[in-house]
Amino acid sequence: NDDLLDICNRLVSLGLQMGADEIEVFAASQK
């Protein structure tokens, strides 16, 4: 997957909307 950072940023925004004070998202993809 070449858009891992986009996924992370989207989930950060989603977490804040759901009530998180702080949120961190880490993603990895490999072969």
PDB file of all heavy atoms in Angstrom:
ATOM      1  N   ASN A   1       0.838  -1.195   0.000  1.00  0.00           N
ATOM      2  CA  ASN A   1       0.000   0.000   0.000  1.00  0.00           C
ATOM      3  C   ASN A   1       0.871   1.242   0.000  1.00  0.00           C
ATOM      4  O   ASN A   1       1.773   1.383   0.810  1.00  0.00           O
ATOM      5  CB  ASN A   1      -0.884  -0.016   1.250  1.00  0.00           C
ATOM      6  CG  ASN A   1      -2.096   0.868   1.091  1.00  0.00           C
ATOM      7  OD1 ASN A   1      -1.962   2.034   0.765  1.00  0.00           O
ATOM      8  ND2 ASN A   1      -3.262   0.303   1.316  1.00  0.00           N
ATOM      9  N   ASP A   2       0.616   2.167  -0.938  1.00  0.00           N
ATOM     10  CA  ASP A   2       1.442   3.360  -1.069  1.00  0.00           C
ATOM     11  C   ASP A   2       0.831   4.584  -0.413  1.00  0.00           C
ATOM     12  O   ASP A   2       1.393   5.670  -0.485  1.00  0.00           O
ATOM     13  CB  ASP A   2       1.706   3.643  -2.554  1.00  0.00           C
ATOM     14  CG  ASP A   2       2.645   2.619  -3.174  1.00  0.00           C
ATOM     15  OD1 ASP A   2       3.554   2.163  -2.474  1.00  0.00           O
ATOM     16  OD2 ASP A   2       2.449   2.308  -4.353  1.00  0.00           O
ATOM     17  N   ASP A   3      -0.348   4.493   0.210  1.00  0.00           N
ATOM     18  CA  ASP A   3      -0.963   5.666   0.827  1.00  0.00           C
ATOM     19  C   ASP A   3      -1.167   5.439   2.326  1.00  0.00           C
ATOM     20  O   ASP A   3      -2.175   5.831   2.904  1.00  0.00           O
ATOM     21  CB  ASP A   3      -2.291   6.004   0.151  1.00  0.00           C
ATOM     22  CG  ASP A   3      -3.282   4.846   0.208  1.00  0.00           C
ATOM     23  OD1 ASP A   3      -2.898   3.757   0.657  1.00  0.00           O
ATOM     24  OD2 ASP A   3      -4.437   5.056  -0.188  1.00  0.00           O
ATOM     25  N   LEU A   4      -0.188   4.836   2.960  1.00  0.00           N
ATOM     26  CA  LEU A   4      -0.299   4.555   4.391  1.00  0.00           C
ATOM     27  C   LEU A   4      -0.426   5.830   5.218  1.00  0.00           C
ATOM     28  O   LEU A   4      -1.180   5.875   6.187  1.00  0.00           O
ATOM     29  CB  LEU A   4       0.919   3.750   4.863  1.00  0.00           C
ATOM     30  CG  LEU A   4       1.036   2.300   4.380  1.00  0.00           C
ATOM     31  CD1 LEU A   4       2.299   1.663   4.945  1.00  0.00           C
ATOM     32  CD2 LEU A   4      -0.187   1.495   4.772  1.00  0.00           C
ATOM     33  N   LEU A   5       0.321   6.870   4.843  1.00  0.00           N
ATOM     34  CA  LEU A   5       0.254   8.108   5.606  1.00  0.00           C
ATOM     35  C   LEU A   5      -1.132   8.742   5.500  1.00  0.00           C
ATOM     36  O   LEU A   5      -1.654   9.294   6.478  1.00  0.00           O
ATOM     37  CB  LEU A   5       1.331   9.088   5.130  1.00  0.00           C
ATOM     38  CG  LEU A   5       1.452  10.386   5.943  1.00  0.00           C
ATOM     39  CD1 LEU A   5       1.672  10.089   7.423  1.00  0.00           C
ATOM     40  CD2 LEU A   5       2.589  11.249   5.395  1.00  0.00           C
ATOM     41  N   ASP A   6      -1.758   8.664   4.332  1.00  0.00           N
ATOM     42  CA  ASP A   6      -3.125   9.182   4.182  1.00  0.00           C
ATOM     43  C   ASP A   6      -4.085   8.438   5.104  1.00  0.00           C
ATOM     44  O   ASP A   6      -4.969   9.051   5.726  1.00  0.00           O
ATOM     45  CB  ASP A   6      -3.590   9.041   2.729  1.00  0.00           C
ATOM     46  CG  ASP A   6      -2.848   9.966   1.786  1.00  0.00           C
ATOM     47  OD1 ASP A   6      -2.289  10.966   2.273  1.00  0.00           O
ATOM     48  OD2 ASP A   6      -2.818   9.679   0.582  1.00  0.00           O
ATOM     49  N   ILE A   7      -3.922   7.120   5.199  1.00  0.00           N
ATOM     50  CA  ILE A   7      -4.770   6.331   6.093  1.00  0.00           C
ATOM     51  C   ILE A   7      -4.567   6.764   7.540  1.00  0.00           C
ATOM     52  O   ILE A   7      -5.529   6.950   8.301  1.00  0.00           O
ATOM     53  CB  ILE A   7      -4.457   4.829   5.932  1.00  0.00           C
ATOM     54  CG1 ILE A   7      -4.876   4.346   4.552  1.00  0.00           C
ATOM     55  CG2 ILE A   7      -5.161   4.012   7.009  1.00  0.00           C
ATOM     56  CD1 ILE A   7      -4.481   2.906   4.261  1.00  0.00           C
ATOM     57  N   CYS A   8      -3.314   6.948   7.930  1.00  0.00           N
ATOM     58  CA  CYS A   8      -3.017   7.370   9.304  1.00  0.00           C
ATOM     59  C   CYS A   8      -3.649   8.717   9.626  1.00  0.00           C
ATOM     60  O   CYS A   8      -4.269   8.896  10.685  1.00  0.00           O
ATOM     61  CB  CYS A   8      -1.502   7.429   9.518  1.00  0.00           C
ATOM     62  SG  CYS A   8      -0.674   5.836   9.507  1.00  0.00           S
ATOM     63  N   ASN A   9      -3.490   9.673   8.723  1.00  0.00           N
ATOM     64  CA  ASN A   9      -4.052  11.010   8.962  1.00  0.00           C
ATOM     65  C   ASN A   9      -5.582  10.958   9.050  1.00  0.00           C
ATOM     66  O   ASN A   9      -6.187  11.656   9.879  1.00  0.00           O
ATOM     67  CB  ASN A   9      -3.630  11.958   7.839  1.00  0.00           C
ATOM     68  CG  ASN A   9      -2.188  12.415   7.986  1.00  0.00           C
ATOM     69  OD1 ASN A   9      -1.715  12.659   9.088  1.00  0.00           O
ATOM     70  ND2 ASN A   9      -1.482  12.523   6.873  1.00  0.00           N
ATOM     71  N   ARG A  10      -6.192  10.132   8.214  1.00  0.00           N
ATOM     72  CA  ARG A  10      -7.650  10.017   8.238  1.00  0.00           C
ATOM     73  C   ARG A  10      -8.137   9.421   9.560  1.00  0.00           C
ATOM     74  O   ARG A  10      -9.127   9.874  10.133  1.00  0.00           O
ATOM     75  CB  ARG A  10      -8.114   9.156   7.060  1.00  0.00           C
ATOM     76  CG  ARG A  10      -9.637   9.146   6.901  1.00  0.00           C
ATOM     77  CD  ARG A  10     -10.055   8.505   5.597  1.00  0.00           C
ATOM     78  NE  ARG A  10      -9.856   7.065   5.584  1.00  0.00           N
ATOM     79  CZ  ARG A  10      -8.957   6.443   4.852  1.00  0.00           C
ATOM     80  NH1 ARG A  10      -8.162   7.133   4.045  1.00  0.00           N
ATOM     81  NH2 ARG A  10      -8.854   5.130   4.885  1.00  0.00           N
ATOM     82  N   LEU A  11      -7.428   8.426  10.075  1.00  0.00           N
ATOM     83  CA  LEU A  11      -7.837   7.811  11.334  1.00  0.00           C
ATOM     84  C   LEU A  11      -7.586   8.725  12.529  1.00  0.00           C
ATOM     85  O   LEU A  11      -8.321   8.675  13.520  1.00  0.00           O
ATOM     86  CB  LEU A  11      -7.100   6.481  11.524  1.00  0.00           C
ATOM     87  CG  LEU A  11      -7.435   5.384  10.515  1.00  0.00           C
ATOM     88  CD1 LEU A  11      -6.691   4.099  10.854  1.00  0.00           C
ATOM     89  CD2 LEU A  11      -8.933   5.126  10.457  1.00  0.00           C
ATOM     90  N   VAL A  12      -6.552   9.567  12.446  1.00  0.00           N
ATOM     91  CA  VAL A  12      -6.332  10.556  13.505  1.00  0.00           C
ATOM     92  C   VAL A  12      -7.527  11.508  13.592  1.00  0.00           C
ATOM     93  O   VAL A  12      -8.054  11.784  14.674  1.00  0.00           O
ATOM     94  CB  VAL A  12      -5.022  11.339  13.261  1.00  0.00           C
ATOM     95  CG1 VAL A  12      -4.964  12.575  14.151  1.00  0.00           C
ATOM     96  CG2 VAL A  12      -3.813  10.443  13.523  1.00  0.00           C
ATOM     97  N   SER A  13      -7.972  12.004  12.460  1.00  0.00           N
ATOM     98  CA  SER A  13      -9.136  12.898  12.436  1.00  0.00           C
ATOM     99  C   SER A  13     -10.379  12.191  12.956  1.00  0.00           C
ATOM    100  O   SER A  13     -11.164  12.760  13.728  1.00  0.00           O
ATOM    101  CB  SER A  13      -9.384  13.396  11.005  1.00  0.00           C
ATOM    102  OG  SER A  13      -8.289  14.147  10.527  1.00  0.00           O
ATOM    103  N   LEU A  14     -10.557  10.944  12.572  1.00  0.00           N
ATOM    104  CA  LEU A  14     -11.715  10.176  13.028  1.00  0.00           C
ATOM    105  C   LEU A  14     -11.677   9.984  14.534  1.00  0.00           C
ATOM    106  O   LEU A  14     -12.711  10.133  15.217  1.00  0.00           O
ATOM    107  CB  LEU A  14     -11.732   8.815  12.325  1.00  0.00           C
ATOM    108  CG  LEU A  14     -12.868   7.866  12.731  1.00  0.00           C
ATOM    109  CD1 LEU A  14     -14.217   8.464  12.360  1.00  0.00           C
ATOM    110  CD2 LEU A  14     -12.678   6.503  12.055  1.00  0.00           C
ATOM    111  N   GLY A  15     -10.513   9.681  15.079  1.00  0.00           N
ATOM    112  CA  GLY A  15     -10.400   9.470  16.517  1.00  0.00           C
ATOM    113  C   GLY A  15     -10.717  10.715  17.318  1.00  0.00           C
ATOM    114  O   GLY A  15     -11.370  10.644  18.376  1.00  0.00           O
ATOM    115  N   LEU A  16     -10.284  11.868  16.842  1.00  0.00           N
ATOM    116  CA  LEU A  16     -10.598  13.120  17.537  1.00  0.00           C
ATOM    117  C   LEU A  16     -12.098  13.396  17.511  1.00  0.00           C
ATOM    118  O   LEU A  16     -12.678  13.864  18.500  1.00  0.00           O
ATOM    119  CB  LEU A  16      -9.821  14.276  16.895  1.00  0.00           C
ATOM    120  CG  LEU A  16      -8.297  14.240  17.071  1.00  0.00           C
ATOM    121  CD1 LEU A  16      -7.645  15.367  16.293  1.00  0.00           C
ATOM    122  CD2 LEU A  16      -7.913  14.324  18.554  1.00  0.00           C
ATOM    123  N   GLN A  17     -12.727  13.088  16.394  1.00  0.00           N
ATOM    124  CA  GLN A  17     -14.181  13.263  16.295  1.00  0.00           C
ATOM    125  C   GLN A  17     -14.921  12.344  17.265  1.00  0.00           C
ATOM    126  O   GLN A  17     -15.989  12.685  17.762  1.00  0.00           O
ATOM    127  CB  GLN A  17     -14.644  12.982  14.868  1.00  0.00           C
ATOM    128  CG  GLN A  17     -14.135  13.972  13.827  1.00  0.00           C
ATOM    129  CD  GLN A  17     -14.454  13.540  12.413  1.00  0.00           C
ATOM    130  OE1 GLN A  17     -15.288  12.659  12.188  1.00  0.00           O
ATOM    131  NE2 GLN A  17     -13.790  14.144  11.438  1.00  0.00           N
ATOM    132  N   MET A  18     -14.344  11.182  17.539  1.00  0.00           N
ATOM    133  CA  MET A  18     -14.982  10.216  18.434  1.00  0.00           C
ATOM    134  C   MET A  18     -14.696  10.473  19.908  1.00  0.00           C
ATOM    135  O   MET A  18     -15.185   9.736  20.767  1.00  0.00           O
ATOM    136  CB  MET A  18     -14.517   8.798  18.080  1.00  0.00           C
ATOM    137  CG  MET A  18     -15.016   8.298  16.737  1.00  0.00           C
ATOM    138  SD  MET A  18     -14.436   6.600  16.435  1.00  0.00           S
ATOM    139  CE  MET A  18     -15.261   6.226  14.890  1.00  0.00           C
ATOM    140  N   GLY A  19     -13.891  11.485  20.203  1.00  0.00           N
ATOM    141  CA  GLY A  19     -13.691  11.843  21.598  1.00  0.00           C
ATOM    142  C   GLY A  19     -12.320  11.614  22.180  1.00  0.00           C
ATOM    143  O   GLY A  19     -12.116  11.772  23.395  1.00  0.00           O
ATOM    144  N   ALA A  20     -11.351  11.231  21.379  1.00  0.00           N
ATOM    145  CA  ALA A  20      -9.993  11.040  21.884  1.00  0.00           C
ATOM    146  C   ALA A  20      -9.369  12.390  22.214  1.00  0.00           C
ATOM    147  O   ALA A  20      -9.541  13.363  21.468  1.00  0.00           O
ATOM    148  CB  ALA A  20      -9.149  10.314  20.847  1.00  0.00           C
ATOM    149  N   ASP A  21      -8.652  12.470  23.342  1.00  0.00           N
ATOM    150  CA  ASP A  21      -7.883  13.680  23.653  1.00  0.00           C
ATOM    151  C   ASP A  21      -6.639  13.745  22.775  1.00  0.00           C
ATOM    152  O   ASP A  21      -6.281  14.794  22.249  1.00  0.00           O
ATOM    153  CB  ASP A  21      -7.467  13.684  25.129  1.00  0.00           C
ATOM    154  CG  ASP A  21      -8.662  13.760  26.061  1.00  0.00           C
ATOM    155  OD1 ASP A  21      -9.707  14.299  25.641  1.00  0.00           O
ATOM    156  OD2 ASP A  21      -8.550  13.282  27.202  1.00  0.00           O
ATOM    157  N   GLU A  22      -5.966  12.594  22.667  1.00  0.00           N
ATOM    158  CA  GLU A  22      -4.795  12.461  21.805  1.00  0.00           C
ATOM    159  C   GLU A  22      -4.875  11.106  21.116  1.00  0.00           C
ATOM    160  O   GLU A  22      -5.369  10.136  21.686  1.00  0.00           O
ATOM    161  CB  GLU A  22      -3.492  12.544  22.609  1.00  0.00           C
ATOM    162  CG  GLU A  22      -3.214  13.886  23.246  1.00  0.00           C
ATOM    163  CD  GLU A  22      -1.869  13.876  23.965  1.00  0.00           C
ATOM    164  OE1 GLU A  22      -1.834  13.467  25.139  1.00  0.00           O
ATOM    165  OE2 GLU A  22      -0.859  14.259  23.347  1.00  0.00           O
ATOM    166  N   ILE A  23      -4.357  11.035  19.890  1.00  0.00           N
ATOM    167  CA  ILE A  23      -4.387   9.773  19.158  1.00  0.00           C
ATOM    168  C   ILE A  23      -3.164   9.675  18.260  1.00  0.00           C
ATOM    169  O   ILE A  23      -2.720  10.669  17.678  1.00  0.00           O
ATOM    170  CB  ILE A  23      -5.686   9.621  18.329  1.00  0.00           C
ATOM    171  CG1 ILE A  23      -5.647   8.308  17.522  1.00  0.00           C
ATOM    172  CG2 ILE A  23      -5.914  10.820  17.431  1.00  0.00           C
ATOM    173  CD1 ILE A  23      -6.960   7.972  16.833  1.00  0.00           C
ATOM    174  N   GLU A  24      -2.621   8.477  18.189  1.00  0.00           N
ATOM    175  CA  GLU A  24      -1.480   8.189  17.321  1.00  0.00           C
ATOM    176  C   GLU A  24      -1.801   6.939  16.514  1.00  0.00           C
ATOM    177  O   GLU A  24      -2.321   5.962  17.044  1.00  0.00           O
ATOM    178  CB  GLU A  24      -0.232   7.964  18.158  1.00  0.00           C
ATOM    179  CG  GLU A  24       1.007   7.561  17.354  1.00  0.00           C
ATOM    180  CD  GLU A  24       2.183   7.239  18.257  1.00  0.00           C
ATOM    181  OE1 GLU A  24       2.223   6.122  18.817  1.00  0.00           O
ATOM    182  OE2 GLU A  24       3.043   8.126  18.421  1.00  0.00           O
ATOM    183  N   VAL A  25      -1.475   6.978  15.219  1.00  0.00           N
ATOM    184  CA  VAL A  25      -1.721   5.838  14.340  1.00  0.00           C
ATOM    185  C   VAL A  25      -0.419   5.469  13.640  1.00  0.00           C
ATOM    186  O   VAL A  25       0.231   6.326  13.029  1.00  0.00           O
ATOM    187  CB  VAL A  25      -2.807   6.154  13.292  1.00  0.00           C
ATOM    188  CG1 VAL A  25      -3.046   4.922  12.417  1.00  0.00           C
ATOM    189  CG2 VAL A  25      -4.101   6.588  13.963  1.00  0.00           C
ATOM    190  N   PHE A  26      -0.045   4.208  13.749  1.00  0.00           N
ATOM    191  CA  PHE A  26       1.144   3.692  13.083  1.00  0.00           C
ATOM    192  C   PHE A  26       0.731   2.613  12.088  1.00  0.00           C
ATOM    193  O   PHE A  26      -0.115   1.765  12.398  1.00  0.00           O
ATOM    194  CB  PHE A  26       2.117   3.097  14.098  1.00  0.00           C
ATOM    195  CG  PHE A  26       3.286   2.382  13.462  1.00  0.00           C
ATOM    196  CD1 PHE A  26       4.353   3.097  12.945  1.00  0.00           C
ATOM    197  CD2 PHE A  26       3.305   0.999  13.377  1.00  0.00           C
ATOM    198  CE1 PHE A  26       5.427   2.444  12.351  1.00  0.00           C
ATOM    199  CE2 PHE A  26       4.380   0.328  12.783  1.00  0.00           C
ATOM    200  CZ  PHE A  26       5.440   1.064  12.275  1.00  0.00           C
ATOM    201  N   ALA A  27       1.306   2.659  10.894  1.00  0.00           N
ATOM    202  CA  ALA A  27       0.962   1.681   9.858  1.00  0.00           C
ATOM    203  C   ALA A  27       2.232   1.137   9.225  1.00  0.00           C
ATOM    204  O   ALA A  27       3.242   1.844   9.111  1.00  0.00           O
ATOM    205  CB  ALA A  27       0.083   2.326   8.786  1.00  0.00           C
ATOM    206  N   ALA A  28       2.171  -0.119   8.820  1.00  0.00           N
ATOM    207  CA  ALA A  28       3.311  -0.741   8.138  1.00  0.00           C
ATOM    208  C   ALA A  28       2.806  -1.733   7.112  1.00  0.00           C
ATOM    209  O   ALA A  28       1.779  -2.390   7.310  1.00  0.00           O
ATOM    210  CB  ALA A  28       4.225  -1.434   9.140  1.00  0.00           C
ATOM    211  N   SER A  29       3.528  -1.830   6.016  1.00  0.00           N
ATOM    212  CA  SER A  29       3.202  -2.786   4.962  1.00  0.00           C
ATOM    213  C   SER A  29       4.513  -3.305   4.393  1.00  0.00           C
ATOM    214  O   SER A  29       5.448  -2.520   4.183  1.00  0.00           O
ATOM    215  CB  SER A  29       2.371  -2.104   3.872  1.00  0.00           C
ATOM    216  OG  SER A  29       2.027  -3.020   2.856  1.00  0.00           O
ATOM    217  N   GLN A  30       4.617  -4.614   4.152  1.00  0.00           N
ATOM    218  CA  GLN A  30       5.876  -5.151   3.663  1.00  0.00           C
ATOM    219  C   GLN A  30       5.674  -6.447   2.888  1.00  0.00           C
ATOM    220  O   GLN A  30       4.644  -7.112   3.002  1.00  0.00           O
ATOM    221  CB  GLN A  30       6.839  -5.420   4.827  1.00  0.00           C
ATOM    222  CG  GLN A  30       6.431  -6.577   5.730  1.00  0.00           C
ATOM    223  CD  GLN A  30       7.461  -6.844   6.813  1.00  0.00           C
ATOM    224  OE1 GLN A  30       8.025  -5.918   7.388  1.00  0.00           O
ATOM    225  NE2 GLN A  30       7.712  -8.104   7.098  1.00  0.00           N
ATOM    226  N   LYS A  31       6.672  -6.764   2.095  1.00  0.00           N
ATOM    227  CA  LYS A  31       6.739  -8.068   1.425  1.00  0.00           C
ATOM    228  C   LYS A  31       8.033  -8.748   1.856  1.00  0.00           C
ATOM    229  O   LYS A  31       9.034  -8.077   2.152  1.00  0.00           O
ATOM    230  CB  LYS A  31       6.701  -7.919  -0.093  1.00  0.00           C
ATOM    231  CG  LYS A  31       7.946  -7.267  -0.697  1.00  0.00           C
ATOM    232  CD  LYS A  31       7.910  -7.310  -2.219  1.00  0.00           C
ATOM    233  CE  LYS A  31       9.207  -6.743  -2.808  1.00  0.00           C
ATOM    234  NZ  LYS A  31       9.238  -6.793  -4.286  1.00  0.00           N
TER     235      LYS A  31
END
